[in-house]
């Protein structure tokens, strides 16, 4: 039986191959832009969002190739958000995944433009291949990463810095900044395979609660993680006065909250039976990760 680790590794390769096809080569003008785009996209990311979309598609009886354009679009959008988050105007991070951030390598102007290019190119690739439910796929993406999701979460994240820890604000930020894109990832797999509405809803809810568990663990790792494994220095959230679960409730209660959300995520998969096994295993893995 294929392990989760092997399954993930195989699909990461498929996603990387697809991203390589979708992105302009570095030899194409303007070379500086394409180098910057590729630098951040191929910087050893876990590819959790596109692989979740693939898991979702396969859990609905489909294939990785059916959802690949949407999965890669989401990964490009995720990468653009990281490039912009790392800028001095927002989080001012020098390292991402153990490598210098985009603006440290290419300068702030090129980092902004590379992020802009990835965001727009993500939607371009969706027009290049036939996809069922394209209107709903576009709606799901824009809701998950736009003003109803990731961007709104980022706004409140920035505006709430240096304020007293507030669990309500933490949950607002987590739900939009992290959980909404994961909900979109899981829903995209169902939409791309034309799954019935019941499965679409179940997978969207799974992705949401998975994303909440993921972000709480991310908050914990920023406090007590091993920099050699996470690729980022610890304590940066605290130094910026970020609204985080550990700041609001402490490490132990944060760990319990992450486990609770992972349990809720698995419960949404009841209707998928055996086909949802990798999604269940991923929810278990996410609360024990160290990077």
Protein backbone atom coordinates (compact mmCIF):
# COMPACT_ATOMS: atom_id res chain seq x y z
CA UNK A 1 0.00 0.00 0.00
CA UNK A 2 1.31 3.44 -0.92
CA UNK A 3 2.32 5.54 2.07
CA UNK A 4 1.33 9.19 2.47
CA UNK A 5 4.99 10.16 2.14
CA UNK A 6 5.37 8.34 -1.18
CA UNK A 7 2.03 9.65 -2.43
CA UNK A 8 3.01 13.22 -1.59
CA UNK A 9 6.46 12.87 -3.16
CA UNK A 10 5.03 11.48 -6.40
CA UNK A 11 2.50 14.27 -6.72
CA UNK A 12 4.99 16.99 -5.83
CA UNK A 13 7.00 15.81 -8.86
CA UNK A 14 3.90 16.02 -11.06
CA UNK A 15 3.11 19.52 -9.78
CA UNK A 16 6.69 20.70 -10.31
CA UNK A 17 6.71 19.34 -13.85
CA UNK A 18 3.43 21.13 -14.60
CA UNK A 19 4.63 24.40 -13.06
CA UNK A 20 7.76 24.19 -15.19
CA UNK A 21 5.58 23.88 -18.31
CA UNK A 22 3.24 26.69 -17.31
CA UNK A 23 5.93 29.23 -16.38
CA UNK A 24 7.90 31.10 -19.05
CA UNK A 25 11.52 29.91 -19.35
CA UNK A 26 14.29 32.08 -17.91
CA UNK A 27 15.66 32.56 -21.42
CA UNK A 28 12.52 34.42 -22.48
CA UNK A 29 12.42 38.21 -22.16
CA UNK A 30 12.23 39.86 -19.72
CA UNK A 31 14.69 37.39 -18.25
CA UNK A 32 14.95 39.18 -14.91
CA UNK A 33 11.22 38.80 -14.30
CA UNK A 34 11.11 35.15 -15.26
CA UNK A 35 14.15 34.36 -13.12
CA UNK A 36 12.48 36.00 -10.14
CA UNK A 37 9.20 34.14 -10.72
CA UNK A 38 10.93 30.78 -10.98
CA UNK A 39 13.22 31.47 -8.03
CA UNK A 40 10.28 31.69 -5.64
CA UNK A 41 8.10 29.02 -7.24
CA UNK A 42 10.91 26.46 -7.18
CA UNK A 43 12.19 27.17 -3.67
CA UNK A 44 11.49 23.79 -2.03
CA UNK A 45 7.87 24.45 -1.09
CA UNK A 46 5.79 21.61 0.32
CA UNK A 47 3.15 22.01 -2.43
CA UNK A 48 0.45 21.25 0.13
CA UNK A 49 -2.27 23.22 -1.64
CA UNK A 50 -1.88 21.72 -5.13
CA UNK A 51 -1.38 18.23 -3.71
CA UNK A 52 -4.53 18.66 -1.62
CA UNK A 53 -6.38 19.59 -4.81
CA UNK A 54 -5.08 16.39 -6.41
CA UNK A 55 -6.06 14.32 -3.37
CA UNK A 56 -9.53 15.82 -3.53
CA UNK A 57 -9.87 15.09 -7.24
CA UNK A 58 -8.77 11.48 -6.80
CA UNK A 59 -11.04 11.04 -3.78
CA UNK A 60 -13.91 11.98 -6.13
CA UNK A 61 -12.84 9.41 -8.73
CA UNK A 62 -10.86 11.81 -10.92
CA UNK A 63 -7.20 12.22 -11.82
CA UNK A 64 -4.36 14.58 -11.04
CA UNK A 65 -4.32 15.87 -14.62
CA UNK A 66 -7.96 16.96 -14.43
CA UNK A 67 -7.22 19.42 -11.65
CA UNK A 68 -3.60 20.28 -12.49
CA UNK A 69 -4.24 23.69 -14.13
CA UNK A 70 -6.27 24.85 -11.14
CA UNK A 71 -3.82 23.30 -8.67
CA UNK A 72 -0.88 25.08 -10.28
CA UNK A 73 -2.82 28.34 -10.46
CA UNK A 74 -3.38 28.16 -6.71
CA UNK A 75 0.30 27.42 -6.07
CA UNK A 76 1.33 30.45 -8.15
CA UNK A 77 -1.07 32.63 -6.16
CA UNK A 78 0.27 31.20 -2.91
CA UNK A 79 3.82 31.98 -4.03
CA UNK A 80 2.93 35.54 -5.00
CA UNK A 81 1.45 36.05 -1.53
CA UNK A 82 4.65 34.84 0.13
CA UNK A 83 6.81 37.14 -2.00
CA UNK A 84 4.71 40.14 -1.00
CA UNK A 85 4.41 39.06 2.67
CA UNK A 86 8.20 38.95 2.94
CA UNK A 87 8.65 42.55 1.75
CA UNK A 88 9.91 45.17 4.23
CA UNK A 89 6.53 46.92 4.16
CA UNK A 90 4.81 43.83 5.59
CA UNK A 91 6.82 41.13 7.44
CA UNK A 92 10.34 42.21 6.44
CA UNK A 93 11.68 38.64 6.24
CA UNK A 94 15.16 37.92 4.93
CA UNK A 95 14.73 34.15 4.58
CA UNK A 96 12.04 31.83 3.27
CA UNK A 97 12.49 28.04 3.30
CA UNK A 98 16.13 28.51 4.21
CA UNK A 99 16.89 30.73 1.20
CA UNK A 100 17.10 34.52 0.88
CA UNK A 101 13.69 36.00 0.12
CA UNK A 102 12.90 37.34 -3.34
CA UNK A 103 13.46 40.99 -2.52
CA UNK A 104 16.85 40.21 -0.96
CA UNK A 105 17.95 38.54 -4.21
CA UNK A 106 16.23 40.61 -6.89
CA UNK A 107 15.36 43.87 -5.13
CA UNK A 108 12.00 45.12 -3.91
CA UNK A 109 10.74 46.38 -7.26
CA UNK A 110 11.37 43.07 -9.03
CA UNK A 111 9.90 41.10 -6.12
CA UNK A 112 6.68 43.11 -6.36
CA UNK A 113 6.54 42.62 -10.13
CA UNK A 114 7.28 38.89 -9.86
CA UNK A 115 4.40 38.55 -7.42
CA UNK A 116 2.11 40.54 -9.72
CA UNK A 117 3.13 38.36 -12.65
CA UNK A 118 2.47 35.10 -10.79
CA UNK A 119 -0.97 36.29 -9.70
CA UNK A 120 -2.08 37.24 -13.21
CA UNK A 121 -0.41 34.26 -14.90
CA UNK A 122 -2.31 31.95 -12.56
CA UNK A 123 -5.60 33.02 -14.10
CA UNK A 124 -4.16 32.95 -17.59
CA UNK A 125 -3.32 29.24 -17.40
CA UNK A 126 -6.92 28.44 -16.47
CA UNK A 127 -7.95 29.70 -19.92
CA UNK A 128 -5.46 27.46 -21.71
CA UNK A 129 -7.02 24.07 -20.95
CA UNK A 130 -10.65 22.90 -20.91
CA UNK A 131 -12.03 22.63 -17.38
CA UNK A 132 -15.54 21.75 -16.23
CA UNK A 133 -17.21 24.25 -13.92
CA UNK A 134 -14.72 26.94 -14.94
CA UNK A 135 -16.90 29.77 -13.67
CA UNK A 136 -17.20 28.13 -10.24
CA UNK A 137 -13.47 27.34 -10.24
CA UNK A 138 -12.70 31.01 -10.85
CA UNK A 139 -15.20 32.04 -8.20
CA UNK A 140 -13.66 29.60 -5.71
CA UNK A 141 -10.15 30.88 -6.37
CA UNK A 142 -11.03 34.56 -6.16
CA UNK A 143 -13.07 34.03 -2.99
CA UNK A 144 -10.31 32.05 -1.34
CA UNK A 145 -7.44 34.39 -2.13
CA UNK A 146 -9.13 37.78 -2.57
CA UNK A 147 -11.00 40.23 -0.38
CA UNK A 148 -13.22 37.47 0.98
CA UNK A 149 -10.25 35.38 2.05
CA UNK A 150 -6.47 35.65 2.04
CA UNK A 151 -6.14 39.39 1.36
CA UNK A 152 -8.63 40.36 4.08
CA UNK A 153 -6.82 38.12 6.53
CA UNK A 154 -3.52 39.74 5.63
CA UNK A 155 -5.01 43.23 6.14
CA UNK A 156 -6.20 42.44 9.66
CA UNK A 157 -2.92 40.66 10.37
CA UNK A 158 -0.98 43.83 9.53
CA UNK A 159 -3.40 46.22 11.24
CA UNK A 160 -3.44 44.16 14.45
CA UNK A 161 0.31 44.15 15.04
CA UNK A 162 1.46 45.42 18.45
CA UNK A 163 -2.06 45.11 19.85
CA UNK A 164 -2.97 42.97 22.85
CA UNK A 165 -3.49 39.30 21.88
CA UNK A 166 -7.13 38.73 20.94
CA UNK A 167 -8.35 35.23 20.11
CA UNK A 168 -11.25 36.58 18.04
CA UNK A 169 -8.81 38.49 15.83
CA UNK A 170 -6.52 35.47 15.62
CA UNK A 171 -9.38 33.30 14.41
CA UNK A 172 -10.53 35.94 11.92
CA UNK A 173 -7.02 36.14 10.46
CA UNK A 174 -6.51 32.37 10.37
CA UNK A 175 -9.87 31.69 8.77
CA UNK A 176 -9.21 34.06 5.90
CA UNK A 177 -5.46 34.18 5.44
CA UNK A 178 -4.81 30.42 5.63
CA UNK A 179 -7.99 28.37 5.88
CA UNK A 180 -9.77 30.01 2.93
CA UNK A 181 -7.03 29.09 0.40
CA UNK A 182 -6.93 25.51 1.74
CA UNK A 183 -10.73 25.31 1.48
CA UNK A 184 -10.36 26.47 -2.13
CA UNK A 185 -7.71 23.81 -2.80
CA UNK A 186 -9.91 20.96 -1.62
CA UNK A 187 -12.98 22.35 -3.39
CA UNK A 188 -11.08 22.78 -6.67
CA UNK A 189 -10.37 19.05 -6.83
CA UNK A 190 -14.07 18.28 -6.52
CA UNK A 191 -15.10 20.93 -9.05
CA UNK A 192 -12.51 19.88 -11.63
CA UNK A 193 -13.88 16.33 -11.57
CA UNK A 194 -17.52 17.48 -11.65
CA UNK A 195 -18.24 15.82 -8.30
CA UNK A 196 -21.73 15.99 -6.75
CA UNK A 197 -22.58 18.94 -4.52
CA UNK A 198 -22.39 16.85 -1.34
CA UNK A 199 -18.74 16.01 -1.95
CA UNK A 200 -17.91 19.57 -3.00
CA UNK A 201 -19.25 20.87 0.33
CA UNK A 202 -17.57 18.15 2.37
CA UNK A 203 -14.19 18.77 0.80
CA UNK A 204 -14.45 22.54 1.12
CA UNK A 205 -15.22 22.13 4.83
CA UNK A 206 -12.34 19.69 5.19
CA UNK A 207 -9.93 22.17 3.62
CA UNK A 208 -11.13 24.97 5.90
CA UNK A 209 -10.61 23.03 9.14
CA UNK A 210 -7.35 21.56 7.86
CA UNK A 211 -6.14 25.10 7.15
CA UNK A 212 -7.03 26.23 10.68
CA UNK A 213 -5.05 23.33 12.15
CA UNK A 214 -2.15 24.06 9.79
CA UNK A 215 -1.93 27.74 10.77
CA UNK A 216 -2.04 27.04 14.49
CA UNK A 217 0.86 24.61 14.08
CA UNK A 218 2.66 27.27 12.02
CA UNK A 219 2.20 29.72 14.89
CA UNK A 220 3.59 27.16 17.34
CA UNK A 221 6.61 26.42 15.15
CA UNK A 222 7.38 30.12 14.92
CA UNK A 223 7.70 30.08 18.71
CA UNK A 224 9.42 26.76 19.41
CA UNK A 225 10.41 25.27 16.03
CA UNK A 226 13.87 24.25 14.86
CA UNK A 227 15.14 26.91 12.46
CA UNK A 228 17.22 24.29 10.62
CA UNK A 229 13.99 22.47 9.77
CA UNK A 230 11.57 25.35 9.27
CA UNK A 231 13.97 27.50 7.24
CA UNK A 232 12.93 30.61 9.17
CA UNK A 233 14.13 32.10 12.47
CA UNK A 234 11.93 31.54 15.50
CA UNK A 235 10.28 34.33 17.44
CA UNK A 236 9.59 36.61 14.47
CA UNK A 237 5.83 36.66 15.13
CA UNK A 238 6.48 37.72 18.73
CA UNK A 239 8.98 40.39 17.72
CA UNK A 240 6.46 41.88 15.28
CA UNK A 241 3.65 41.71 17.82
CA UNK A 242 1.60 39.37 15.62
CA UNK A 243 -1.79 38.01 16.60
CA UNK A 244 -1.12 34.28 17.06
CA UNK A 245 -2.65 31.34 18.91
CA UNK A 246 0.32 30.97 21.30
CA UNK A 247 0.17 34.68 22.11
CA UNK A 248 -3.55 34.44 22.83
CA UNK A 249 -3.84 31.12 24.69
CA UNK A 250 -0.35 29.65 25.16
CA UNK A 251 1.44 26.71 23.57
CA UNK A 252 -0.42 23.84 25.26
CA UNK A 253 -3.91 25.14 24.42
CA UNK A 254 -2.70 25.92 20.90
CA UNK A 255 -1.62 22.31 20.42
CA UNK A 256 -5.01 21.09 21.61
CA UNK A 257 -6.82 23.51 19.27
CA UNK A 258 -4.78 22.21 16.32
CA UNK A 259 -5.69 18.62 17.19
CA UNK A 260 -9.37 19.58 17.52
CA UNK A 261 -9.45 21.21 14.08
CA UNK A 262 -7.66 18.22 12.53
CA UNK A 263 -10.29 15.93 14.06
CA UNK A 264 -13.06 18.11 12.62
CA UNK A 265 -11.38 18.04 9.22
CA UNK A 266 -11.38 14.24 9.18
CA UNK A 267 -15.05 14.12 10.19
CA UNK A 268 -16.01 15.95 6.99
CA UNK A 269 -14.63 13.03 4.95
CA UNK A 270 -17.11 10.41 6.19
CA UNK A 271 -18.99 10.30 2.89
CA UNK A 272 -15.78 9.61 0.92
CA UNK A 273 -15.03 6.31 2.61
CA UNK A 274 -11.75 4.64 1.70
CA UNK A 275 -11.12 7.08 -1.15
CA UNK A 276 -10.49 9.86 1.37
CA UNK A 277 -7.71 7.99 3.18
CA UNK A 278 -4.83 10.26 2.09
CA UNK A 279 -6.78 13.36 3.10
CA UNK A 280 -7.35 11.80 6.54
CA UNK A 281 -3.69 10.90 6.87
CA UNK A 282 -2.70 14.42 5.83
CA UNK A 283 -4.82 15.87 8.65
CA UNK A 284 -3.03 13.57 11.11
CA UNK A 285 0.37 14.52 9.70
CA UNK A 286 -0.20 18.26 9.83
CA UNK A 287 -0.51 18.41 13.63
CA UNK A 288 2.73 16.47 14.12
CA UNK A 289 4.87 18.29 11.55
CA UNK A 290 8.09 20.02 12.56
CA UNK A 291 8.61 22.24 9.52
